[in-house]
PDB file of all heavy atoms in Angstrom:
ATOM      1  N   ARG A   1     -22.512  12.611  -5.990  1.00  0.00           N
ATOM      2  CA  ARG A   1     -21.463  12.881  -7.016  1.00  0.00           C
ATOM      3  C   ARG A   1     -21.720  12.053  -8.268  1.00  0.00           C
ATOM      4  O   ARG A   1     -22.237  10.914  -8.160  1.00  0.00           O
ATOM      5  CB  ARG A   1     -20.135  12.619  -6.444  1.00  0.00           C
ATOM      6  CG  ARG A   1     -19.665  13.574  -5.386  1.00  0.00           C
ATOM      7  CD  ARG A   1     -18.189  13.357  -5.018  1.00  0.00           C
ATOM      8  NE  ARG A   1     -17.726  14.303  -4.066  1.00  0.00           N
ATOM      9  CZ  ARG A   1     -17.377  14.104  -2.815  1.00  0.00           C
ATOM     10  NH1 ARG A   1     -17.332  12.939  -2.355  1.00  0.00           N
ATOM     11  NH2 ARG A   1     -16.888  15.114  -2.064  1.00  0.00           N
ATOM     12  N   PRO A   2     -21.369  12.535  -9.412  1.00  0.00           N
ATOM     13  CA  PRO A   2     -21.614  11.795 -10.680  1.00  0.00           C
ATOM     14  C   PRO A   2     -20.577  10.668 -10.856  1.00  0.00           C
ATOM     15  O   PRO A   2     -20.090  10.486 -12.016  1.00  0.00           O
ATOM     16  CB  PRO A   2     -21.532  12.869 -11.703  1.00  0.00           C
ATOM     17  CG  PRO A   2     -20.547  13.830 -11.187  1.00  0.00           C
ATOM     18  CD  PRO A   2     -20.761  13.887  -9.667  1.00  0.00           C
ATOM     19  N   VAL A   3     -20.166  10.105  -9.814  1.00  0.00           N
ATOM     20  CA  VAL A   3     -19.188   8.979  -9.844  1.00  0.00           C
ATOM     21  C   VAL A   3     -19.706   7.880  -9.001  1.00  0.00           C
ATOM     22  O   VAL A   3     -20.268   8.085  -7.893  1.00  0.00           O
ATOM     23  CB  VAL A   3     -17.786   9.460  -9.325  1.00  0.00           C
ATOM     24  CG1 VAL A   3     -16.816   8.322  -9.430  1.00  0.00           C
ATOM     25  CG2 VAL A   3     -17.339  10.674 -10.057  1.00  0.00           C
ATOM     26  N   HIS A   4     -19.530   6.646  -9.452  1.00  0.00           N
ATOM     27  CA  HIS A   4     -20.048   5.464  -8.665  1.00  0.00           C
ATOM     28  C   HIS A   4     -19.326   5.445  -7.301  1.00  0.00           C
ATOM     29  O   HIS A   4     -18.098   5.636  -7.233  1.00  0.00           O
ATOM     30  CB  HIS A   4     -19.751   4.220  -9.429  1.00  0.00           C
ATOM     31  CG  HIS A   4     -20.509   3.012  -9.004  1.00  0.00           C
ATOM     32  ND1 HIS A   4     -20.223   2.365  -7.819  1.00  0.00           N
ATOM     33  CD2 HIS A   4     -21.618   2.406  -9.514  1.00  0.00           C
ATOM     34  CE1 HIS A   4     -21.041   1.307  -7.704  1.00  0.00           C
ATOM     35  NE2 HIS A   4     -21.947   1.388  -8.663  1.00  0.00           N
ATOM     36  N   LEU A   5     -20.113   5.248  -6.227  1.00  0.00           N
ATOM     37  CA  LEU A   5     -19.572   5.256  -4.893  1.00  0.00           C
ATOM     38  C   LEU A   5     -18.438   4.244  -4.693  1.00  0.00           C
ATOM     39  O   LEU A   5     -17.379   4.584  -4.146  1.00  0.00           O
ATOM     40  CB  LEU A   5     -20.671   4.959  -3.917  1.00  0.00           C
ATOM     41  CG  LEU A   5     -20.283   4.945  -2.398  1.00  0.00           C
ATOM     42  CD1 LEU A   5     -19.843   6.308  -1.955  1.00  0.00           C
ATOM     43  CD2 LEU A   5     -21.464   4.448  -1.538  1.00  0.00           C
ATOM     44  N   PHE A   6     -18.574   3.074  -5.273  1.00  0.00           N
ATOM     45  CA  PHE A   6     -17.587   2.023  -5.141  1.00  0.00           C
ATOM     46  C   PHE A   6     -16.309   2.445  -5.838  1.00  0.00           C
ATOM     47  O   PHE A   6     -15.178   2.285  -5.335  1.00  0.00           O
ATOM     48  CB  PHE A   6     -18.042   0.700  -5.664  1.00  0.00           C
ATOM     49  CG  PHE A   6     -17.004  -0.417  -5.696  1.00  0.00           C
ATOM     50  CD1 PHE A   6     -16.425  -0.762  -4.518  1.00  0.00           C
ATOM     51  CD2 PHE A   6     -16.641  -0.978  -6.887  1.00  0.00           C
ATOM     52  CE1 PHE A   6     -15.464  -1.795  -4.520  1.00  0.00           C
ATOM     53  CE2 PHE A   6     -15.657  -2.000  -6.930  1.00  0.00           C
ATOM     54  CZ  PHE A   6     -15.092  -2.388  -5.701  1.00  0.00           C
ATOM     55  N   TYR A   7     -16.423   3.091  -6.997  1.00  0.00           N
ATOM     56  CA  TYR A   7     -15.249   3.524  -7.794  1.00  0.00           C
ATOM     57  C   TYR A   7     -14.492   4.608  -7.052  1.00  0.00           C
ATOM     58  O   TYR A   7     -13.242   4.492  -6.961  1.00  0.00           O
ATOM     59  CB  TYR A   7     -15.790   4.052  -9.129  1.00  0.00           C
ATOM     60  CG  TYR A   7     -14.679   4.526 -10.082  1.00  0.00           C
ATOM     61  CD1 TYR A   7     -13.957   3.580 -10.824  1.00  0.00           C
ATOM     62  CD2 TYR A   7     -14.380   5.846 -10.197  1.00  0.00           C
ATOM     63  CE1 TYR A   7     -12.974   3.964 -11.652  1.00  0.00           C
ATOM     64  CE2 TYR A   7     -13.389   6.269 -11.069  1.00  0.00           C
ATOM     65  CZ  TYR A   7     -12.651   5.313 -11.831  1.00  0.00           C
ATOM     66  OH  TYR A   7     -11.663   5.689 -12.668  1.00  0.00           O
ATOM     67  N   GLN A   8     -15.177   5.511  -6.496  1.00  0.00           N
ATOM     68  CA  GLN A   8     -14.385   6.647  -5.865  1.00  0.00           C
ATOM     69  C   GLN A   8     -13.768   6.188  -4.494  1.00  0.00           C
ATOM     70  O   GLN A   8     -12.649   6.545  -4.248  1.00  0.00           O
ATOM     71  CB  GLN A   8     -15.324   7.829  -5.542  1.00  0.00           C
ATOM     72  CG  GLN A   8     -16.597   7.552  -4.771  1.00  0.00           C
ATOM     73  CD  GLN A   8     -17.443   8.854  -4.569  1.00  0.00           C
ATOM     74  OE1 GLN A   8     -16.920   9.802  -3.919  1.00  0.00           O
ATOM     75  NE2 GLN A   8     -18.662   8.800  -4.965  1.00  0.00           N
ATOM     76  N   LEU A   9     -14.457   5.253  -3.782  1.00  0.00           N
ATOM     77  CA  LEU A   9     -13.854   4.822  -2.527  1.00  0.00           C
ATOM     78  C   LEU A   9     -12.725   3.847  -2.821  1.00  0.00           C
ATOM     79  O   LEU A   9     -11.722   3.858  -2.107  1.00  0.00           O
ATOM     80  CB  LEU A   9     -14.944   4.132  -1.654  1.00  0.00           C
ATOM     81  CG  LEU A   9     -15.976   5.027  -1.111  1.00  0.00           C
ATOM     82  CD1 LEU A   9     -16.976   4.259  -0.257  1.00  0.00           C
ATOM     83  CD2 LEU A   9     -15.407   6.202  -0.308  1.00  0.00           C
ATOM     84  N   MET A  10     -12.858   3.103  -3.880  1.00  0.00           N
ATOM     85  CA  MET A  10     -11.764   2.178  -4.280  1.00  0.00           C
ATOM     86  C   MET A  10     -10.566   2.964  -4.677  1.00  0.00           C
ATOM     87  O   MET A  10      -9.409   2.628  -4.344  1.00  0.00           O
ATOM     88  CB  MET A  10     -12.225   1.195  -5.388  1.00  0.00           C
ATOM     89  CG  MET A  10     -11.150   0.353  -5.951  1.00  0.00           C
ATOM     90  SD  MET A  10     -11.673  -0.705  -7.328  1.00  0.00           S
ATOM     91  CE  MET A  10     -12.071   0.558  -8.575  1.00  0.00           C
ATOM     92  N   GLY A  11     -10.748   4.037  -5.443  1.00  0.00           N
ATOM     93  CA  GLY A  11      -9.659   4.946  -5.861  1.00  0.00           C
ATOM     94  C   GLY A  11      -8.830   5.476  -4.725  1.00  0.00           C
ATOM     95  O   GLY A  11      -7.665   5.403  -4.675  1.00  0.00           O
ATOM     96  N   ARG A  12      -9.596   5.956  -3.745  1.00  0.00           N
ATOM     97  CA  ARG A  12      -8.962   6.500  -2.498  1.00  0.00           C
ATOM     98  C   ARG A  12      -8.108   5.359  -1.814  1.00  0.00           C
ATOM     99  O   ARG A  12      -7.038   5.613  -1.383  1.00  0.00           O
ATOM    100  CB  ARG A  12      -9.957   7.057  -1.588  1.00  0.00           C
ATOM    101  CG  ARG A  12     -10.675   8.265  -2.075  1.00  0.00           C
ATOM    102  CD  ARG A  12     -11.821   8.666  -1.060  1.00  0.00           C
ATOM    103  NE  ARG A  12     -12.710   9.700  -1.611  1.00  0.00           N
ATOM    104  CZ  ARG A  12     -13.824  10.008  -1.035  1.00  0.00           C
ATOM    105  NH1 ARG A  12     -14.186   9.465   0.138  1.00  0.00           N
ATOM    106  NH2 ARG A  12     -14.603  10.905  -1.541  1.00  0.00           N
ATOM    107  N   GLU A  13      -8.757   4.172  -1.737  1.00  0.00           N
ATOM    108  CA  GLU A  13      -8.086   3.126  -1.018  1.00  0.00           C
ATOM    109  C   GLU A  13      -6.779   2.638  -1.729  1.00  0.00           C
ATOM    110  O   GLU A  13      -5.788   2.289  -1.086  1.00  0.00           O
ATOM    111  CB  GLU A  13      -9.014   1.922  -0.799  1.00  0.00           C
ATOM    112  CG  GLU A  13      -8.521   0.959   0.270  1.00  0.00           C
ATOM    113  CD  GLU A  13      -8.367   1.629   1.642  1.00  0.00           C
ATOM    114  OE1 GLU A  13      -9.042   2.607   1.927  1.00  0.00           O
ATOM    115  OE2 GLU A  13      -7.480   1.106   2.396  1.00  0.00           O
ATOM    116  N   TRP A  14      -6.785   2.651  -3.043  1.00  0.00           N
ATOM    117  CA  TRP A  14      -5.553   2.277  -3.791  1.00  0.00           C
ATOM    118  C   TRP A  14      -4.451   3.283  -3.480  1.00  0.00           C
ATOM    119  O   TRP A  14      -3.244   2.940  -3.443  1.00  0.00           O
ATOM    120  CB  TRP A  14      -5.822   2.228  -5.244  1.00  0.00           C
ATOM    121  CG  TRP A  14      -6.395   0.860  -5.737  1.00  0.00           C
ATOM    122  CD1 TRP A  14      -7.597   0.676  -6.325  1.00  0.00           C
ATOM    123  CD2 TRP A  14      -5.820  -0.434  -5.594  1.00  0.00           C
ATOM    124  NE1 TRP A  14      -7.804  -0.640  -6.564  1.00  0.00           N
ATOM    125  CE2 TRP A  14      -6.705  -1.336  -6.125  1.00  0.00           C
ATOM    126  CE3 TRP A  14      -4.614  -0.906  -5.033  1.00  0.00           C
ATOM    127  CZ2 TRP A  14      -6.423  -2.716  -6.197  1.00  0.00           C
ATOM    128  CZ3 TRP A  14      -4.397  -2.232  -5.071  1.00  0.00           C
ATOM    129  CH2 TRP A  14      -5.301  -3.167  -5.631  1.00  0.00           C
ATOM    130  N   GLY A  15      -4.776   4.546  -3.276  1.00  0.00           N
ATOM    131  CA  GLY A  15      -3.757   5.501  -2.835  1.00  0.00           C
ATOM    132  C   GLY A  15      -3.217   5.189  -1.514  1.00  0.00           C
ATOM    133  O   GLY A  15      -1.979   5.350  -1.292  1.00  0.00           O
ATOM    134  N   GLN A  16      -4.076   4.751  -0.624  1.00  0.00           N
ATOM    135  CA  GLN A  16      -3.684   4.377   0.719  1.00  0.00           C
ATOM    136  C   GLN A  16      -2.759   3.109   0.663  1.00  0.00           C
ATOM    137  O   GLN A  16      -1.733   3.053   1.303  1.00  0.00           O
ATOM    138  CB  GLN A  16      -4.890   4.015   1.559  1.00  0.00           C
ATOM    139  CG  GLN A  16      -4.656   3.440   2.952  1.00  0.00           C
ATOM    140  CD  GLN A  16      -4.407   4.466   4.013  1.00  0.00           C
ATOM    141  OE1 GLN A  16      -4.539   5.638   3.805  1.00  0.00           O
ATOM    142  NE2 GLN A  16      -4.026   4.037   5.219  1.00  0.00           N
ATOM    143  N   ILE A  17      -3.131   2.151  -0.149  1.00  0.00           N
ATOM    144  CA  ILE A  17      -2.369   0.942  -0.324  1.00  0.00           C
ATOM    145  C   ILE A  17      -0.986   1.300  -0.948  1.00  0.00           C
ATOM    146  O   ILE A  17       0.068   0.674  -0.512  1.00  0.00           O
ATOM    147  CB  ILE A  17      -3.126  -0.108  -1.163  1.00  0.00           C
ATOM    148  CG1 ILE A  17      -4.326  -0.615  -0.441  1.00  0.00           C
ATOM    149  CG2 ILE A  17      -2.220  -1.214  -1.593  1.00  0.00           C
ATOM    150  CD1 ILE A  17      -5.286  -1.434  -1.232  1.00  0.00           C
ATOM    151  N   GLY A  18      -0.970   2.178  -1.906  1.00  0.00           N
ATOM    152  CA  GLY A  18       0.277   2.538  -2.484  1.00  0.00           C
ATOM    153  C   GLY A  18       1.262   3.192  -1.526  1.00  0.00           C
ATOM    154  O   GLY A  18       2.467   2.886  -1.507  1.00  0.00           O
ATOM    155  N   TYR A  19       0.674   4.006  -0.604  1.00  0.00           N
ATOM    156  CA  TYR A  19       1.512   4.573   0.462  1.00  0.00           C
ATOM    157  C   TYR A  19       2.025   3.547   1.337  1.00  0.00           C
ATOM    158  O   TYR A  19       3.216   3.539   1.751  1.00  0.00           O
ATOM    159  CB  TYR A  19       0.657   5.595   1.196  1.00  0.00           C
ATOM    160  CG  TYR A  19       1.358   6.136   2.421  1.00  0.00           C
ATOM    161  CD1 TYR A  19       2.230   7.185   2.361  1.00  0.00           C
ATOM    162  CD2 TYR A  19       1.185   5.541   3.640  1.00  0.00           C
ATOM    163  CE1 TYR A  19       2.867   7.720   3.480  1.00  0.00           C
ATOM    164  CE2 TYR A  19       1.784   6.072   4.819  1.00  0.00           C
ATOM    165  CZ  TYR A  19       2.651   7.093   4.735  1.00  0.00           C
ATOM    166  OH  TYR A  19       3.301   7.591   5.774  1.00  0.00           O
ATOM    167  N   GLN A  20       1.183   2.619   1.765  1.00  0.00           N
ATOM    168  CA  GLN A  20       1.633   1.540   2.740  1.00  0.00           C
ATOM    169  C   GLN A  20       2.634   0.592   2.118  1.00  0.00           C
ATOM    170  O   GLN A  20       3.521   0.071   2.795  1.00  0.00           O
ATOM    171  CB  GLN A  20       0.367   0.850   3.265  1.00  0.00           C
ATOM    172  CG  GLN A  20      -0.512   1.734   4.102  1.00  0.00           C
ATOM    173  CD  GLN A  20      -1.619   0.964   4.850  1.00  0.00           C
ATOM    174  OE1 GLN A  20      -2.068   1.513   5.832  1.00  0.00           O
ATOM    175  NE2 GLN A  20      -1.989  -0.160   4.426  1.00  0.00           N
ATOM    176  N   LEU A  21       2.476   0.409   0.766  1.00  0.00           N
ATOM    177  CA  LEU A  21       3.434  -0.371   0.097  1.00  0.00           C
ATOM    178  C   LEU A  21       4.827   0.181   0.196  1.00  0.00           C
ATOM    179  O   LEU A  21       5.858  -0.461   0.505  1.00  0.00           O
ATOM    180  CB  LEU A  21       3.043  -0.575  -1.392  1.00  0.00           C
ATOM    181  CG  LEU A  21       4.074  -1.232  -2.310  1.00  0.00           C
ATOM    182  CD1 LEU A  21       4.322  -2.710  -1.916  1.00  0.00           C
ATOM    183  CD2 LEU A  21       3.651  -1.113  -3.774  1.00  0.00           C
ATOM    184  N   ILE A  22       4.945   1.514  -0.112  1.00  0.00           N
ATOM    185  CA  ILE A  22       6.260   2.177  -0.180  1.00  0.00           C
ATOM    186  C   ILE A  22       6.829   2.462   1.222  1.00  0.00           C
ATOM    187  O   ILE A  22       8.016   2.214   1.420  1.00  0.00           O
ATOM    188  CB  ILE A  22       6.108   3.536  -0.977  1.00  0.00           C
ATOM    189  CG1 ILE A  22       5.796   3.221  -2.428  1.00  0.00           C
ATOM    190  CG2 ILE A  22       7.442   4.324  -0.844  1.00  0.00           C
ATOM    191  CD1 ILE A  22       5.485   4.408  -3.258  1.00  0.00           C
ATOM    192  N   TYR A  23       5.969   2.897   2.205  1.00  0.00           N
ATOM    193  CA  TYR A  23       6.473   3.317   3.460  1.00  0.00           C
ATOM    194  C   TYR A  23       6.392   2.280   4.560  1.00  0.00           C
ATOM    195  O   TYR A  23       6.878   2.494   5.656  1.00  0.00           O
ATOM    196  CB  TYR A  23       5.776   4.620   3.872  1.00  0.00           C
ATOM    197  CG  TYR A  23       6.253   5.819   3.077  1.00  0.00           C
ATOM    198  CD1 TYR A  23       5.525   6.228   1.950  1.00  0.00           C
ATOM    199  CD2 TYR A  23       7.386   6.470   3.398  1.00  0.00           C
ATOM    200  CE1 TYR A  23       5.921   7.310   1.213  1.00  0.00           C
ATOM    201  CE2 TYR A  23       7.866   7.557   2.631  1.00  0.00           C
ATOM    202  CZ  TYR A  23       7.042   7.991   1.581  1.00  0.00           C
ATOM    203  OH  TYR A  23       7.497   9.077   0.829  1.00  0.00           O
ATOM    204  N   LYS A  24       5.752   1.155   4.326  1.00  0.00           N
ATOM    205  CA  LYS A  24       5.606   0.114   5.282  1.00  0.00           C
ATOM    206  C   LYS A  24       6.061  -1.269   4.787  1.00  0.00           C
ATOM    207  O   LYS A  24       6.977  -1.828   5.351  1.00  0.00           O
ATOM    208  CB  LYS A  24       4.181   0.055   5.789  1.00  0.00           C
ATOM    209  CG  LYS A  24       3.759   1.353   6.515  1.00  0.00           C
ATOM    210  CD  LYS A  24       2.414   1.286   7.178  1.00  0.00           C
ATOM    211  CE  LYS A  24       2.077   2.608   7.905  1.00  0.00           C
ATOM    212  NZ  LYS A  24       0.787   2.525   8.625  1.00  0.00           N
ATOM    213  N   THR A  25       5.438  -1.776   3.755  1.00  0.00           N
ATOM    214  CA  THR A  25       5.780  -3.098   3.259  1.00  0.00           C
ATOM    215  C   THR A  25       7.201  -3.193   2.794  1.00  0.00           C
ATOM    216  O   THR A  25       7.961  -4.122   3.191  1.00  0.00           O
ATOM    217  CB  THR A  25       4.845  -3.511   2.132  1.00  0.00           C
ATOM    218  OG1 THR A  25       3.486  -3.686   2.684  1.00  0.00           O
ATOM    219  CG2 THR A  25       5.265  -4.802   1.522  1.00  0.00           C
ATOM    220  N   VAL A  26       7.630  -2.290   1.963  1.00  0.00           N
ATOM    221  CA  VAL A  26       9.022  -2.319   1.398  1.00  0.00           C
ATOM    222  C   VAL A  26      10.129  -2.174   2.533  1.00  0.00           C
ATOM    223  O   VAL A  26      11.046  -2.962   2.544  1.00  0.00           O
ATOM    224  CB  VAL A  26       9.205  -1.269   0.299  1.00  0.00           C
ATOM    225  CG1 VAL A  26      10.680  -1.138  -0.146  1.00  0.00           C
ATOM    226  CG2 VAL A  26       8.337  -1.549  -0.897  1.00  0.00           C
ATOM    227  N   PRO A  27      10.001  -1.210   3.417  1.00  0.00           N
ATOM    228  CA  PRO A  27      10.956  -1.178   4.527  1.00  0.00           C
ATOM    229  C   PRO A  27      11.040  -2.462   5.327  1.00  0.00           C
ATOM    230  O   PRO A  27      12.112  -2.963   5.688  1.00  0.00           O
ATOM    231  CB  PRO A  27      10.559  -0.002   5.340  1.00  0.00           C
ATOM    232  CG  PRO A  27       9.808   0.885   4.400  1.00  0.00           C
ATOM    233  CD  PRO A  27       9.034  -0.066   3.520  1.00  0.00           C
ATOM    234  N   ILE A  28       9.904  -2.998   5.693  1.00  0.00           N
ATOM    235  CA  ILE A  28       9.846  -4.267   6.495  1.00  0.00           C
ATOM    236  C   ILE A  28      10.441  -5.375   5.668  1.00  0.00           C
ATOM    237  O   ILE A  28      11.232  -6.222   6.202  1.00  0.00           O
ATOM    238  CB  ILE A  28       8.383  -4.605   6.859  1.00  0.00           C
ATOM    239  CG1 ILE A  28       7.846  -3.538   7.855  1.00  0.00           C
ATOM    240  CG2 ILE A  28       8.342  -6.015   7.500  1.00  0.00           C
ATOM    241  CD1 ILE A  28       6.366  -3.712   8.161  1.00  0.00           C
ATOM    242  N   TYR A  29      10.205  -5.437   4.362  1.00  0.00           N
ATOM    243  CA  TYR A  29      10.708  -6.480   3.471  1.00  0.00           C
ATOM    244  C   TYR A  29      12.268  -6.457   3.523  1.00  0.00           C
ATOM    245  O   TYR A  29      12.889  -7.450   3.656  1.00  0.00           O
ATOM    246  CB  TYR A  29      10.176  -6.244   2.099  1.00  0.00           C
ATOM    247  CG  TYR A  29      10.758  -7.169   1.033  1.00  0.00           C
ATOM    248  CD1 TYR A  29      10.336  -8.484   0.945  1.00  0.00           C
ATOM    249  CD2 TYR A  29      11.629  -6.696   0.077  1.00  0.00           C
ATOM    250  CE1 TYR A  29      10.832  -9.297  -0.038  1.00  0.00           C
ATOM    251  CE2 TYR A  29      12.143  -7.477  -0.881  1.00  0.00           C
ATOM    252  CZ  TYR A  29      11.768  -8.823  -0.977  1.00  0.00           C
ATOM    253  OH  TYR A  29      12.255  -9.653  -1.962  1.00  0.00           O
ATOM    254  N   PHE A  30      12.834  -5.221   3.405  1.00  0.00           N
ATOM    255  CA  PHE A  30      14.303  -5.115   3.388  1.00  0.00           C
ATOM    256  C   PHE A  30      14.880  -5.396   4.781  1.00  0.00           C
ATOM    257  O   PHE A  30      16.018  -5.948   4.792  1.00  0.00           O
ATOM    258  CB  PHE A  30      14.748  -3.715   2.890  1.00  0.00           C
ATOM    259  CG  PHE A  30      14.670  -3.561   1.438  1.00  0.00           C
ATOM    260  CD1 PHE A  30      13.748  -2.736   0.808  1.00  0.00           C
ATOM    261  CD2 PHE A  30      15.571  -4.251   0.630  1.00  0.00           C
ATOM    262  CE1 PHE A  30      13.728  -2.529  -0.571  1.00  0.00           C
ATOM    263  CE2 PHE A  30      15.528  -4.117  -0.769  1.00  0.00           C
ATOM    264  CZ  PHE A  30      14.615  -3.247  -1.352  1.00  0.00           C
ATOM    265  N   ILE A  31      14.189  -5.059   5.818  1.00  0.00           N
ATOM    266  CA  ILE A  31      14.621  -5.459   7.150  1.00  0.00           C
ATOM    267  C   ILE A  31      14.763  -6.967   7.272  1.00  0.00           C
ATOM    268  O   ILE A  31      15.741  -7.440   7.812  1.00  0.00           O
ATOM    269  CB  ILE A  31      13.651  -4.866   8.251  1.00  0.00           C
ATOM    270  CG1 ILE A  31      13.797  -3.361   8.367  1.00  0.00           C
ATOM    271  CG2 ILE A  31      13.957  -5.539   9.630  1.00  0.00           C
ATOM    272  CD1 ILE A  31      12.784  -2.666   9.249  1.00  0.00           C
ATOM    273  N   TYR A  32      13.805  -7.682   6.733  1.00  0.00           N
ATOM    274  CA  TYR A  32      13.795  -9.083   6.781  1.00  0.00           C
ATOM    275  C   TYR A  32      14.893  -9.779   5.914  1.00  0.00           C
ATOM    276  O   TYR A  32      15.442 -10.808   6.240  1.00  0.00           O
ATOM    277  CB  TYR A  32      12.472  -9.759   6.493  1.00  0.00           C
ATOM    278  CG  TYR A  32      11.409  -9.398   7.540  1.00  0.00           C
ATOM    279  CD1 TYR A  32      10.023  -9.423   7.277  1.00  0.00           C
ATOM    280  CD2 TYR A  32      11.773  -9.069   8.851  1.00  0.00           C
ATOM    281  CE1 TYR A  32       9.101  -9.107   8.237  1.00  0.00           C
ATOM    282  CE2 TYR A  32      10.908  -8.776   9.827  1.00  0.00           C
ATOM    283  CZ  TYR A  32       9.522  -8.819   9.502  1.00  0.00           C
ATOM    284  OH  TYR A  32       8.589  -8.523  10.444  1.00  0.00           O
ATOM    285  N   ILE A  33      15.139  -9.128   4.789  1.00  0.00           N
ATOM    286  CA  ILE A  33      16.254  -9.640   3.949  1.00  0.00           C
ATOM    287  C   ILE A  33      17.600  -9.473   4.729  1.00  0.00           C
ATOM    288  O   ILE A  33      18.420 -10.371   4.665  1.00  0.00           O
ATOM    289  CB  ILE A  33      16.334  -8.748   2.649  1.00  0.00           C
ATOM    290  CG1 ILE A  33      15.181  -9.078   1.706  1.00  0.00           C
ATOM    291  CG2 ILE A  33      17.609  -9.085   1.909  1.00  0.00           C
ATOM    292  CD1 ILE A  33      15.078  -8.222   0.490  1.00  0.00           C
ATOM    293  N   TRP A  34      17.731  -8.378   5.445  1.00  0.00           N
ATOM    294  CA  TRP A  34      18.985  -8.114   6.151  1.00  0.00           C
ATOM    295  C   TRP A  34      19.109  -8.950   7.450  1.00  0.00           C
ATOM    296  O   TRP A  34      20.114  -9.475   7.739  1.00  0.00           O
ATOM    297  CB  TRP A  34      19.012  -6.656   6.510  1.00  0.00           C
ATOM    298  CG  TRP A  34      20.182  -6.269   7.339  1.00  0.00           C
ATOM    299  CD1 TRP A  34      21.565  -6.474   7.166  1.00  0.00           C
ATOM    300  CD2 TRP A  34      20.134  -5.531   8.604  1.00  0.00           C
ATOM    301  NE1 TRP A  34      22.292  -5.958   8.131  1.00  0.00           N
ATOM    302  CE2 TRP A  34      21.436  -5.436   9.067  1.00  0.00           C
ATOM    303  CE3 TRP A  34      19.055  -5.009   9.372  1.00  0.00           C
ATOM    304  CZ2 TRP A  34      21.789  -4.720  10.288  1.00  0.00           C
ATOM    305  CZ3 TRP A  34      19.387  -4.345  10.546  1.00  0.00           C
ATOM    306  CH2 TRP A  34      20.749  -4.282  10.946  1.00  0.00           C
ATOM    307  N   THR A  35      17.992  -9.118   8.199  1.00  0.00           N
ATOM    308  CA  THR A  35      18.087  -9.786   9.491  1.00  0.00           C
ATOM    309  C   THR A  35      17.931 -11.352   9.442  1.00  0.00           C
ATOM    310  O   THR A  35      18.570 -12.048  10.179  1.00  0.00           O
ATOM    311  CB  THR A  35      17.003  -9.229  10.448  1.00  0.00           C
ATOM    312  OG1 THR A  35      15.719  -9.388   9.868  1.00  0.00           O
ATOM    313  CG2 THR A  35      17.288  -7.745  10.724  1.00  0.00           C
ATOM    314  N   ILE A  36      16.998 -11.826   8.581  1.00  0.00           N
ATOM    315  CA  ILE A  36      16.793 -13.253   8.560  1.00  0.00           C
ATOM    316  C   ILE A  36      17.108 -13.930   7.216  1.00  0.00           C
ATOM    317  O   ILE A  36      16.812 -15.095   7.043  1.00  0.00           O
ATOM    318  CB  ILE A  36      15.389 -13.617   9.056  1.00  0.00           C
ATOM    319  CG1 ILE A  36      14.332 -12.998   8.052  1.00  0.00           C
ATOM    320  CG2 ILE A  36      15.057 -13.078  10.422  1.00  0.00           C
ATOM    321  CD1 ILE A  36      12.938 -13.388   8.305  1.00  0.00           C
ATOM    322  N   GLY A  37      17.579 -13.169   6.265  1.00  0.00           N
ATOM    323  CA  GLY A  37      17.932 -13.718   4.963  1.00  0.00           C
ATOM    324  C   GLY A  37      16.710 -14.147   4.155  1.00  0.00           C
ATOM    325  O   GLY A  37      16.781 -15.162   3.479  1.00  0.00           O
ATOM    326  N   LEU A  38      15.697 -13.380   4.197  1.00  0.00           N
ATOM    327  CA  LEU A  38      14.513 -13.621   3.351  1.00  0.00           C
ATOM    328  C   LEU A  38      14.953 -13.712   1.909  1.00  0.00           C
ATOM    329  O   LEU A  38      15.579 -12.765   1.387  1.00  0.00           O
ATOM    330  CB  LEU A  38      13.464 -12.517   3.534  1.00  0.00           C
ATOM    331  CG  LEU A  38      12.146 -12.664   2.722  1.00  0.00           C
ATOM    332  CD1 LEU A  38      11.362 -13.884   3.252  1.00  0.00           C
ATOM    333  CD2 LEU A  38      11.315 -11.432   2.871  1.00  0.00           C
TER     334      LEU A  38
END
C-alpha cells in the first residue's frame, strides 16, 4: 500500500484506543468516583 506501515497500523490502533477510552476507561473511572471517592 502507498502508506507507511507504521502510519496505517498506528491509525488503526488509535481507533482501538478511542473505543477503549469511551467504553472501558470512562465507565471504570466513574465507578471509582462513585464507590471509593476518586
